[in-house]
Every structure is written in structure tokens, then in C-alpha cells.
Amino acid sequence: MTDLSARVKALAEAYVADTIKVRRHLHQHPELSFEEVETSQYVAAYLDQLGIPYESGLVKTGLRATISGKNPSAKVIALRADLDALPIAETNEVPYRSTNEGVMHACGHDVHTASLLGSMRILNDLRTEFEGSISCVFQPGEELLPGGAKLMIEEGVLQNPKPQRMFGQHVYPDMEAGKVGFRSGMYMASSDEIRIKVIGKGGHAALPHLVVDPILIASHLVVALQQLVSRNSQPDLPTVLSFGWIEGKGATNIIPNEVMLMGTFRTFDEVWRQDALQKLSQLAIGLVESMGGKCELDIRKGYPFLVNDEATTQLAKSRAIHYLGAENVIDLDLRMTAEDFAYYSQVVPSCFYRLGVRNEAKGITSGLHTPTFDIDEKALETSIGLMAWLALEELRN
């Protein structure tokens, strides 16, 4: 291990206790997407204490801070964290439980933000060791369309200065704390939201000949749409169409006037994505009308697929092996989940990697977006040290 990596590890060990305090504060005070006012103010105050310059008010609650080394314009890289929480009521019995009823950091964005601040402390201490600048992006609204990343890019977060490479991380409860995971190339799927209102004619359930049954129509539609996807997508191209919401407010003896379907479509190919959504629209409208109903369709284009730049990711993985040891660096599989970091990855050569936070001995095993999600906080030492190390090595080579 080089002297510099040993110094990074020593600083990570020194700063992890404070990073845990930051994470717990953020966890106790979660805010929903694009409403992260107090979170943004907290981050700004922390940056003030460190003496690191920043811009605030990007997409209202976003920030961009800059750490300058020697010859600041030599090269620029970007690091990213997200600020928002989810509309989930926490059920964990921990001292840092959410105090904002019905809102919870169930996706680990408190970890991402605290980690970036911890990494910035290390990098600020070592700013004489590298040439160039580090643009640190604190982004609102990852959990809500159109995605804070898209809006931050539109407001110029990747300009003046323009980064040559970008890094982000995400907690991963399937992997033990102390480990990290990488995947080059395609990693996470595109994601579109589908809302279909099937309008029929309600009435008494005992008199079906006098109604246009939207529940029956919706049932046929769900099956037909699944068949459309399975029969039209390439067998080797991952594709998912799932409906998670069916609402028809009738009763045992009442057929309602309308049924609402809501779901998601995900894949890894833009041409197929557009073709599938067009076919889906045509089938939905045609099938519903053929059965006597009316169809109102709302397709909300979501995040693109996330692609990890081959060269950037391979370098990051090799540097992670140097820093953590090969036994703590894992190869990741494709994921059908989505992330708005994808917008950055389509503009800047990027690496989005995973941070293990699981500890079965402590009972920390819950998945993301659940009311019992939590992390083994020893992962924060890994997190702040590795991100700082990746940034240092990128700017030193």
C-alpha cells in the first residue's frame, strides 16, 4: 500500500465518527423529493465549516461544491450524492429514527450525502496531493420524475467547469459492509411509468348485460400487455413490464365505472423502448375500445438506462482492489432497477458503484424502500475512504 493510500485510510478512520453523526442527523430529518430545504441548509452549513466554496439553489435545493488542488484547471472530475427521502413510515426502533412522520431515508440517500461530505473532508486535507478540481454535486429529487439529475444538468451543473469523469455510489443491502461492487457497461435499466384508465359503464353486478365491465376489460388488458412484451422483445434483451396498482372501486355487487392501472416498463435498448411503448399504446387503446370501453393513457418517460464507462469503471475497480483488497471488490450483475444518475452517465464518462451495508449478525438485512431499512455504519469508513481514494487517483494519474 502506498503512503498516500495509508494516509487516506487513516483520515477515513479519523473522520468516520463524525460522518456517522452526519448520517444520523440526516436520517432523523428526511425530506421528500424537491423539498430538501433543511437538508440543503445543513449541507451548506457543513461546507461553511470546512471552508469549501459552493453554489446553492440549483434546482432550488441542490448544491455544487468545489475542491481545488494545484493547477485547478488541469483536470476536473465530479462526485455525486442525492438528498431526498421516500414517503415511507419508518418502523426501526433506533435513536436516529425519522422524526418526520411518514418520511424516511429508506434508500440510503442519507448515507450518500454523509459519505460525500466525509470524502470531501479527506480530499480537502489532501488538496496539495493532486492537480485539478473536484466538483461535488448534491442533487435533489432522485426518487421523483423527471429526476433531479436531469434538471441539474439543464441548469449547468456539468459546465463551468466541465468534468472529464464522474463517480457516484449507492448502498447495497445484499452485500456485506466493507465490500463494494462494480460493473462495466450497461448496469441499470431505463424506467417509464404507465397509467391506464379503463372507462366502462358501471351498474349492478347481477345485471352484467347492462354494463360495460371495466374490471373484465382491465384483466384482459394486463394479460395482453404481458404477452405483447414477451412475444416482441429479443430473448437476450432484459425487459420488464409490471403493474403494481389496479384500482376499481366497486363492491361484491357493484361493477364500477372505471378501473385504474399503474405500472412500469424497463429495458436496456432505446430503439426497443420507443417501439414497445408505441405498441403498448396501440394495444391498450384498441383492446379497450374493442370491448366497448374507453381508454385514457398516460406514459411518463422516466430515466434512461445507466451505462458505466468501460475505461473509467475498470480503473475504479482496480483502484478499489488496491485500497480494499480483491476479496472486498465484487462483480455486479445487471439490475432492472433505475437511477437518475443515468442522465450523468449519458453525458460524462461515469462509474456508478455499490457500497455494501449488510450485517446479518446485527440483523441488518432489510431491502431498499422498506420501513426497516438500515445500514451497518462501519460501511461509512469504507465509503468515505474509497470515494476519496478514487478521486485522488483519478487526478494524480
Protein backbone atom coordinates (compact mmCIF):
# COMPACT_ATOMS: atom_id res chain seq x y z
CA MET A 1 0.00 0.00 0.00
CA THR A 2 1.34 3.42 -0.94
CA ASP A 3 1.95 6.08 1.68
CA LEU A 4 -0.91 8.15 0.26
CA SER A 5 -3.47 5.34 0.45
CA ALA A 6 -2.37 4.75 4.04
CA ARG A 7 -2.99 8.42 4.77
CA VAL A 8 -6.44 8.20 3.19
CA LYS A 9 -7.25 5.18 5.37
CA ALA A 10 -6.03 6.99 8.47
CA LEU A 11 -8.18 10.04 7.66
CA ALA A 12 -11.20 7.84 6.96
CA GLU A 13 -10.74 6.20 10.35
CA ALA A 14 -10.40 9.63 11.98
CA TYR A 15 -13.48 11.10 10.29
CA VAL A 16 -15.89 8.16 10.36
CA ALA A 17 -17.35 9.03 13.78
CA ASP A 18 -18.29 12.50 12.54
CA THR A 19 -19.66 11.01 9.31
CA ILE A 20 -21.89 8.72 11.37
CA LYS A 21 -23.21 11.77 13.26
CA VAL A 22 -23.97 13.49 9.95
CA ARG A 23 -25.72 10.41 8.60
CA ARG A 24 -27.84 10.05 11.74
CA HIS A 25 -28.85 13.71 11.65
CA LEU A 26 -29.92 13.37 8.03
CA HIS A 27 -31.74 10.13 8.80
CA GLN A 28 -33.68 11.80 11.59
CA HIS A 29 -34.71 14.71 9.37
CA PRO A 30 -35.67 13.26 5.97
CA GLU A 31 -37.36 15.38 3.31
CA LEU A 32 -39.22 14.36 0.17
CA SER A 33 -38.01 14.94 -3.38
CA PHE A 34 -37.55 18.60 -4.34
CA GLU A 35 -38.48 19.61 -0.77
CA GLU A 36 -34.99 19.13 0.75
CA VAL A 37 -34.79 22.67 2.19
CA GLU A 38 -33.42 21.85 5.65
CA THR A 39 -31.16 19.13 4.23
CA SER A 40 -29.66 21.62 1.78
CA GLN A 41 -29.14 24.17 4.55
CA TYR A 42 -27.43 21.53 6.70
CA VAL A 43 -25.05 20.58 3.88
CA ALA A 44 -24.29 24.25 3.22
CA ALA A 45 -23.51 24.87 6.90
CA TYR A 46 -21.20 21.85 6.95
CA LEU A 47 -19.36 23.11 3.87
CA ASP A 48 -19.04 26.52 5.52
CA GLN A 49 -17.32 24.85 8.48
CA LEU A 50 -14.89 23.16 6.13
CA GLY A 51 -14.24 26.37 4.25
CA ILE A 52 -15.14 24.75 0.92
CA PRO A 53 -16.77 27.12 -1.61
CA TYR A 54 -20.12 26.12 -3.12
CA GLU A 55 -23.10 27.25 -5.15
CA SER A 56 -26.57 26.66 -3.71
CA GLY A 57 -30.08 26.98 -5.10
CA LEU A 58 -29.53 24.67 -8.08
CA VAL A 59 -32.97 23.25 -8.86
CA LYS A 60 -33.91 25.11 -5.63
CA THR A 61 -32.28 22.74 -3.12
CA GLY A 62 -29.24 21.40 -4.97
CA LEU A 63 -25.63 22.42 -4.34
CA ARG A 64 -22.29 22.17 -6.13
CA ALA A 65 -19.09 22.49 -4.12
CA THR A 66 -15.56 22.65 -5.48
CA ILE A 67 -12.28 21.40 -4.03
CA SER A 68 -9.30 22.81 -5.90
CA GLY A 69 -5.89 21.22 -5.96
CA LYS A 70 -2.76 22.50 -7.60
CA ASN A 71 -3.39 23.87 -11.10
CA PRO A 72 -7.21 23.69 -10.68
CA SER A 73 -7.98 23.71 -14.41
CA ALA A 74 -5.69 20.77 -15.23
CA LYS A 75 -8.49 18.23 -14.95
CA VAL A 76 -11.96 18.16 -13.43
CA ILE A 77 -13.87 15.19 -12.04
CA ALA A 78 -17.28 15.11 -10.38
CA LEU A 79 -18.66 13.23 -7.38
CA ARG A 80 -22.39 12.95 -6.72
CA ALA A 81 -24.77 12.38 -3.81
CA ASP A 82 -28.57 12.61 -3.66
CA LEU A 83 -30.53 14.37 -0.92
CA ASP A 84 -34.14 13.15 -0.94
CA ALA A 85 -36.06 10.58 1.08
CA LEU A 86 -39.15 8.45 0.46
CA PRO A 87 -42.81 8.60 1.61
CA ILE A 88 -42.39 5.58 3.92
CA ALA A 89 -43.16 5.39 7.65
CA GLU A 90 -40.09 4.07 9.46
CA THR A 91 -40.57 1.18 11.89
CA ASN A 92 -36.96 0.86 13.09
CA GLU A 93 -36.55 1.34 16.85
CA VAL A 94 -33.23 3.23 16.76
CA PRO A 95 -32.14 6.52 18.40
CA TYR A 96 -31.86 8.15 14.96
CA ARG A 97 -35.33 7.10 13.78
CA SER A 98 -37.06 9.56 11.46
CA THR A 99 -38.81 12.42 13.24
CA ASN A 100 -40.71 13.38 10.09
CA GLU A 101 -43.80 11.17 10.22
CA GLY A 102 -44.36 9.21 7.03
CA VAL A 103 -40.99 10.15 5.51
CA MET A 104 -37.86 8.00 5.69
CA HIS A 105 -34.40 7.62 4.21
CA ALA A 106 -35.27 4.11 3.06
CA CYS A 107 -33.00 4.22 0.02
CA GLY A 108 -29.79 5.33 1.73
CA HIS A 109 -29.53 8.86 0.42
CA ASP A 110 -28.59 9.97 3.93
CA VAL A 111 -25.61 7.63 3.58
CA HIS A 112 -24.72 9.03 0.16
CA THR A 113 -24.80 12.63 1.35
CA ALA A 114 -22.90 11.97 4.59
CA SER A 115 -20.35 9.92 2.65
CA LEU A 116 -19.69 12.64 0.13
CA LEU A 117 -19.20 15.17 2.92
CA GLY A 118 -16.81 12.78 4.67
CA SER A 119 -14.88 12.19 1.45
CA MET A 120 -14.66 15.94 0.93
CA ARG A 121 -13.03 16.35 4.35
CA ILE A 122 -10.34 13.88 3.34
CA LEU A 123 -9.84 15.44 -0.10
CA ASN A 124 -9.72 18.94 1.32
CA ASP A 125 -6.96 17.84 3.70
CA LEU A 126 -5.04 16.31 0.79
CA ARG A 127 -5.63 19.01 -1.83
CA THR A 128 -1.88 19.61 -2.24
CA GLU A 129 -1.52 15.99 -3.40
CA PHE A 130 -3.36 16.36 -6.70
CA GLU A 131 -3.73 18.65 -9.71
CA GLY A 132 -7.13 19.71 -10.92
CA SER A 133 -10.53 20.20 -9.30
CA ILE A 134 -13.28 18.08 -7.81
CA SER A 135 -16.88 19.15 -8.42
CA CYS A 136 -19.10 17.75 -5.66
CA VAL A 137 -22.76 17.57 -6.64
CA PHE A 138 -25.54 17.35 -4.03
CA GLN A 139 -28.64 16.61 -6.06
CA PRO A 140 -32.32 16.82 -5.11
CA GLY A 141 -35.16 14.65 -6.34
CA GLU A 142 -33.63 11.33 -7.40
CA GLU A 143 -36.81 9.48 -6.42
CA LEU A 144 -39.29 11.53 -8.45
CA LEU A 145 -39.69 12.15 -12.18
CA PRO A 146 -38.30 13.93 -14.10
CA GLY A 147 -35.32 13.33 -11.79
CA GLY A 148 -33.09 15.93 -10.19
CA ALA A 149 -30.10 14.83 -12.27
CA LYS A 150 -31.83 15.86 -15.50
CA LEU A 151 -32.78 19.23 -14.06
CA MET A 152 -29.33 19.83 -12.57
CA ILE A 153 -27.73 19.13 -15.96
CA GLU A 154 -30.16 21.56 -17.60
CA GLU A 155 -29.11 24.21 -15.06
CA GLY A 156 -25.47 23.69 -15.99
CA VAL A 157 -24.07 21.56 -13.17
CA LEU A 158 -21.79 19.80 -15.68
CA GLN A 159 -20.50 23.06 -17.15
CA ASN A 160 -18.01 25.69 -15.98
CA PRO A 161 -16.13 23.56 -15.14
CA LYS A 162 -16.95 20.52 -17.25
CA PRO A 163 -15.88 17.25 -15.62
CA GLN A 164 -13.98 14.69 -17.64
CA ARG A 165 -15.20 11.82 -15.43
CA MET A 166 -17.91 11.33 -12.80
CA PHE A 167 -18.43 8.93 -9.89
CA GLY A 168 -21.43 8.01 -7.78
CA GLN A 169 -22.26 5.26 -5.32
CA HIS A 170 -25.36 3.59 -3.92
CA VAL A 171 -25.92 1.48 -0.83
CA TYR A 172 -26.45 -2.23 -1.48
CA PRO A 173 -28.12 -4.23 1.33
CA ASP A 174 -27.42 -7.56 -0.42
CA MET A 175 -23.67 -7.11 0.10
CA GLU A 176 -21.75 -7.19 3.38
CA ALA A 177 -20.43 -3.93 4.81
CA GLY A 178 -16.79 -3.47 3.91
CA LYS A 179 -17.32 -4.66 0.34
CA VAL A 180 -18.05 -2.72 -2.86
CA GLY A 181 -19.27 -3.79 -6.30
CA PHE A 182 -18.58 -2.69 -9.88
CA ARG A 183 -19.95 -3.45 -13.35
CA SER A 184 -18.72 -2.06 -16.66
CA GLY A 185 -21.11 -1.23 -19.49
CA MET A 186 -24.88 -1.49 -19.14
CA TYR A 187 -25.82 -1.65 -15.49
CA MET A 188 -29.31 -0.30 -14.69
CA ALA A 189 -32.47 -0.17 -16.80
CA SER A 190 -34.47 2.66 -18.25
CA SER A 191 -37.74 3.27 -16.43
CA ASP A 192 -41.08 4.58 -17.71
CA GLU A 193 -44.30 4.97 -15.77
CA ILE A 194 -47.55 3.76 -17.32
CA ARG A 195 -51.01 4.89 -16.23
CA ILE A 196 -54.08 3.48 -17.95
CA LYS A 197 -57.67 4.42 -17.10
CA VAL A 198 -60.21 1.93 -18.41
CA ILE A 199 -63.61 3.62 -18.59
CA GLY A 200 -66.71 1.47 -18.85
CA LYS A 201 -70.28 1.70 -17.62
CA GLY A 202 -70.95 0.60 -14.07
CA GLY A 203 -74.00 -0.99 -12.62
CA HIS A 204 -75.40 -3.92 -10.66
CA ALA A 205 -73.14 -6.98 -10.68
CA ALA A 206 -76.18 -9.24 -11.12
CA LEU A 207 -77.04 -7.49 -14.40
CA PRO A 208 -73.78 -7.70 -16.40
CA HIS A 209 -75.62 -7.41 -19.74
CA LEU A 210 -76.48 -3.80 -18.85
CA VAL A 211 -72.92 -2.68 -18.09
CA VAL A 212 -69.54 -2.34 -19.76
CA ASP A 213 -67.34 -4.06 -17.21
CA PRO A 214 -64.02 -2.19 -16.82
CA ILE A 215 -62.67 -4.82 -14.40
CA LEU A 216 -63.05 -7.55 -17.02
CA ILE A 217 -61.51 -5.30 -19.67
CA ALA A 218 -58.60 -4.39 -17.40
CA SER A 219 -57.98 -8.07 -16.66
CA HIS A 220 -57.73 -8.88 -20.37
CA LEU A 221 -55.50 -5.83 -20.87
CA VAL A 222 -52.93 -6.80 -18.23
CA VAL A 223 -52.56 -10.28 -19.75
CA ALA A 224 -52.42 -8.96 -23.31
CA LEU A 225 -49.75 -6.40 -22.48
CA GLN A 226 -47.58 -9.04 -20.83
CA GLN A 227 -47.89 -11.19 -23.94
CA LEU A 228 -47.02 -8.22 -26.14
CA VAL A 229 -43.75 -7.71 -24.29
CA SER A 230 -42.79 -11.39 -24.11
CA ARG A 231 -43.54 -12.03 -27.80
CA ASN A 232 -41.88 -8.86 -29.19
CA SER A 233 -38.72 -8.36 -27.14
CA GLN A 234 -35.50 -10.13 -28.03
CA PRO A 235 -34.98 -13.10 -25.68
CA ASP A 236 -31.48 -11.88 -24.78
CA LEU A 237 -32.60 -8.29 -24.05
CA PRO A 238 -33.75 -7.82 -20.43
CA THR A 239 -37.23 -6.29 -20.38
CA VAL A 240 -39.78 -5.91 -17.60
CA LEU A 241 -43.40 -4.77 -17.68
CA SER A 242 -45.05 -4.87 -14.26
CA PHE A 243 -48.32 -3.46 -12.96
CA GLY A 244 -48.31 -2.69 -9.26
CA TRP A 245 -51.62 -0.87 -8.97
CA ILE A 246 -55.13 -1.94 -10.03
CA GLU A 247 -57.97 0.11 -8.58
CA GLY A 248 -61.64 -0.41 -9.32
CA LYS A 249 -63.85 0.97 -6.59
CA GLY A 250 -66.85 -1.29 -6.83
CA ALA A 251 -68.15 -3.87 -4.38
CA THR A 252 -69.25 -7.51 -4.34
CA ASN A 253 -72.45 -6.48 -6.11
CA ILE A 254 -71.31 -3.29 -7.84
CA ILE A 255 -69.37 -3.02 -11.09
CA PRO A 256 -67.55 0.34 -11.09
CA ASN A 257 -67.47 2.86 -13.91
CA GLU A 258 -63.70 2.79 -14.30
CA VAL A 259 -60.52 0.97 -13.35
CA MET A 260 -57.05 2.48 -12.95
CA LEU A 261 -53.88 0.55 -13.82
CA MET A 262 -50.38 1.79 -12.99
CA GLY A 263 -47.12 0.09 -13.80
CA THR A 264 -43.56 0.38 -15.04
CA PHE A 265 -41.72 -0.57 -18.23
CA ARG A 266 -37.95 -1.15 -18.12
CA THR A 267 -35.31 -2.21 -20.61
CA PHE A 268 -31.76 -1.57 -21.92
CA ASP A 269 -32.30 -0.51 -25.53
CA GLU A 270 -33.64 2.87 -26.65
CA VAL A 271 -34.97 1.68 -30.02
CA TRP A 272 -36.89 -1.19 -28.42
CA ARG A 273 -38.01 1.13 -25.62
CA GLN A 274 -39.69 3.51 -28.07
CA ASP A 275 -41.13 0.69 -30.18
CA ALA A 276 -42.51 -1.13 -27.15
CA LEU A 277 -44.21 1.96 -25.74
CA GLN A 278 -45.83 2.65 -29.12
CA LYS A 279 -47.06 -0.95 -29.41
CA LEU A 280 -48.28 -0.82 -25.82
CA SER A 281 -50.30 2.33 -26.53
CA GLN A 282 -51.86 0.90 -29.68
CA LEU A 283 -52.81 -2.36 -27.97
CA ALA A 284 -54.29 -0.67 -24.90
CA ILE A 285 -56.49 1.69 -26.87
CA GLY A 286 -57.54 -0.95 -29.40
CA LEU A 287 -58.34 -3.70 -26.91
CA VAL A 288 -60.32 -1.47 -24.55
CA GLU A 289 -62.37 0.03 -27.38
CA SER A 290 -62.99 -3.40 -28.92
CA MET A 291 -64.61 -4.45 -25.64
CA GLY A 292 -66.85 -1.38 -25.52
CA GLY A 293 -64.83 0.84 -23.21
CA LYS A 294 -62.72 3.95 -23.47
CA CYS A 295 -59.01 4.19 -22.69
CA GLU A 296 -57.11 7.14 -21.25
CA LEU A 297 -53.37 6.51 -21.45
CA ASP A 298 -50.58 8.44 -19.75
CA ILE A 299 -47.00 7.27 -20.35
CA ARG A 300 -44.44 9.26 -18.40
CA LYS A 301 -40.95 8.89 -19.82
CA GLY A 302 -38.56 8.19 -17.00
CA TYR A 303 -34.83 7.74 -16.61
CA PRO A 304 -32.66 6.35 -19.42
CA PHE A 305 -30.54 3.24 -18.91
CA LEU A 306 -27.38 3.68 -16.88
CA VAL A 307 -24.13 2.79 -18.60
CA ASN A 308 -20.80 2.61 -16.79
CA ASP A 309 -17.92 3.74 -18.98
CA GLU A 310 -15.63 0.76 -19.56
CA ALA A 311 -12.30 2.51 -19.03
CA THR A 312 -13.47 4.60 -16.06
CA THR A 313 -15.03 1.61 -14.32
CA GLN A 314 -12.13 -0.76 -14.89
CA LEU A 315 -9.71 1.82 -13.47
CA ALA A 316 -12.01 2.43 -10.49
CA LYS A 317 -12.30 -1.30 -9.84
CA SER A 318 -8.52 -1.82 -9.93
CA ARG A 319 -8.03 1.12 -7.58
CA ALA A 320 -10.68 -0.27 -5.24
CA ILE A 321 -8.84 -3.59 -5.19
CA HIS A 322 -5.64 -1.75 -4.29
CA TYR A 323 -7.41 0.14 -1.50
CA LEU A 324 -9.67 -2.60 -0.07
CA GLY A 325 -8.19 -5.87 -1.26
CA ALA A 326 -9.50 -8.14 -4.03
CA GLU A 327 -11.67 -10.11 -1.59
CA ASN A 328 -13.72 -6.98 -0.89
CA VAL A 329 -14.41 -5.98 -4.52
CA ILE A 330 -17.34 -7.78 -6.21
CA ASP A 331 -18.54 -8.02 -9.81
CA LEU A 332 -22.17 -6.92 -10.10
CA ASP A 333 -25.00 -8.30 -12.24
CA LEU A 334 -27.39 -6.28 -14.38
CA ARG A 335 -30.22 -4.62 -12.43
CA MET A 336 -33.71 -3.83 -13.65
CA THR A 337 -33.97 -1.05 -11.08
CA ALA A 338 -33.42 2.51 -12.31
CA GLU A 339 -31.39 5.51 -11.17
CA ASP A 340 -31.31 9.07 -12.43
CA PHE A 341 -27.50 9.00 -12.25
CA ALA A 342 -28.12 7.53 -15.72
CA TYR A 343 -28.51 11.08 -17.03
CA TYR A 344 -24.94 11.91 -15.95
CA SER A 345 -23.65 8.64 -17.40
CA GLN A 346 -25.02 9.56 -20.82
CA VAL A 347 -23.15 12.90 -20.80
CA VAL A 348 -19.89 12.22 -18.93
CA PRO A 349 -17.80 9.00 -18.79
CA SER A 350 -19.01 7.69 -15.44
CA CYS A 351 -18.75 4.95 -12.85
CA PHE A 352 -21.69 4.17 -10.56
CA TYR A 353 -20.75 1.54 -8.00
CA ARG A 354 -22.30 -0.19 -4.98
CA LEU A 355 -21.48 0.06 -1.29
CA GLY A 356 -22.20 -2.97 0.87
CA VAL A 357 -24.14 -2.14 4.06
CA ARG A 358 -25.39 -5.58 5.22
CA ASN A 359 -24.60 -7.22 8.55
CA GLU A 360 -26.54 -10.41 9.24
CA ALA A 361 -25.07 -10.80 12.73
CA LYS A 362 -26.60 -7.45 13.68
CA GLY A 363 -29.87 -8.22 11.88
CA ILE A 364 -29.25 -5.53 9.26
CA THR A 365 -30.69 -7.30 6.23
CA SER A 366 -33.75 -5.30 5.08
CA GLY A 367 -34.05 -4.26 1.46
CA LEU A 368 -34.25 -0.80 -0.03
CA HIS A 369 -37.59 1.03 0.07
CA THR A 370 -38.76 -0.88 3.15
CA PRO A 371 -39.73 0.60 6.55
CA THR A 372 -36.99 -1.42 8.30
CA PHE A 373 -34.09 -0.50 6.02
CA ASP A 374 -30.90 0.40 7.88
CA ILE A 375 -27.15 0.06 7.42
CA ASP A 376 -24.14 -1.25 9.29
CA GLU A 377 -22.47 2.09 9.88
CA LYS A 378 -18.98 0.62 9.62
CA ALA A 379 -19.68 0.85 5.87
CA LEU A 380 -19.21 4.61 6.16
CA GLU A 381 -15.48 4.24 6.79
CA THR A 382 -15.20 2.20 3.59
CA SER A 383 -17.39 4.69 1.77
CA ILE A 384 -15.60 7.93 2.59
CA GLY A 385 -12.15 6.44 2.17
CA LEU A 386 -12.79 4.72 -1.14
CA MET A 387 -14.52 7.68 -2.80
CA ALA A 388 -11.67 9.97 -1.72
CA TRP A 389 -9.12 7.42 -2.98
CA LEU A 390 -10.84 7.09 -6.38
CA ALA A 391 -10.88 10.87 -6.79
CA LEU A 392 -7.23 11.23 -5.74
CA GLU A 393 -6.03 8.51 -8.09
CA GLU A 394 -8.04 9.92 -10.98
CA LEU A 395 -6.43 13.33 -10.57
CA ARG A 396 -2.92 12.06 -9.85
CA ASN A 397 -2.73 9.87 -12.99
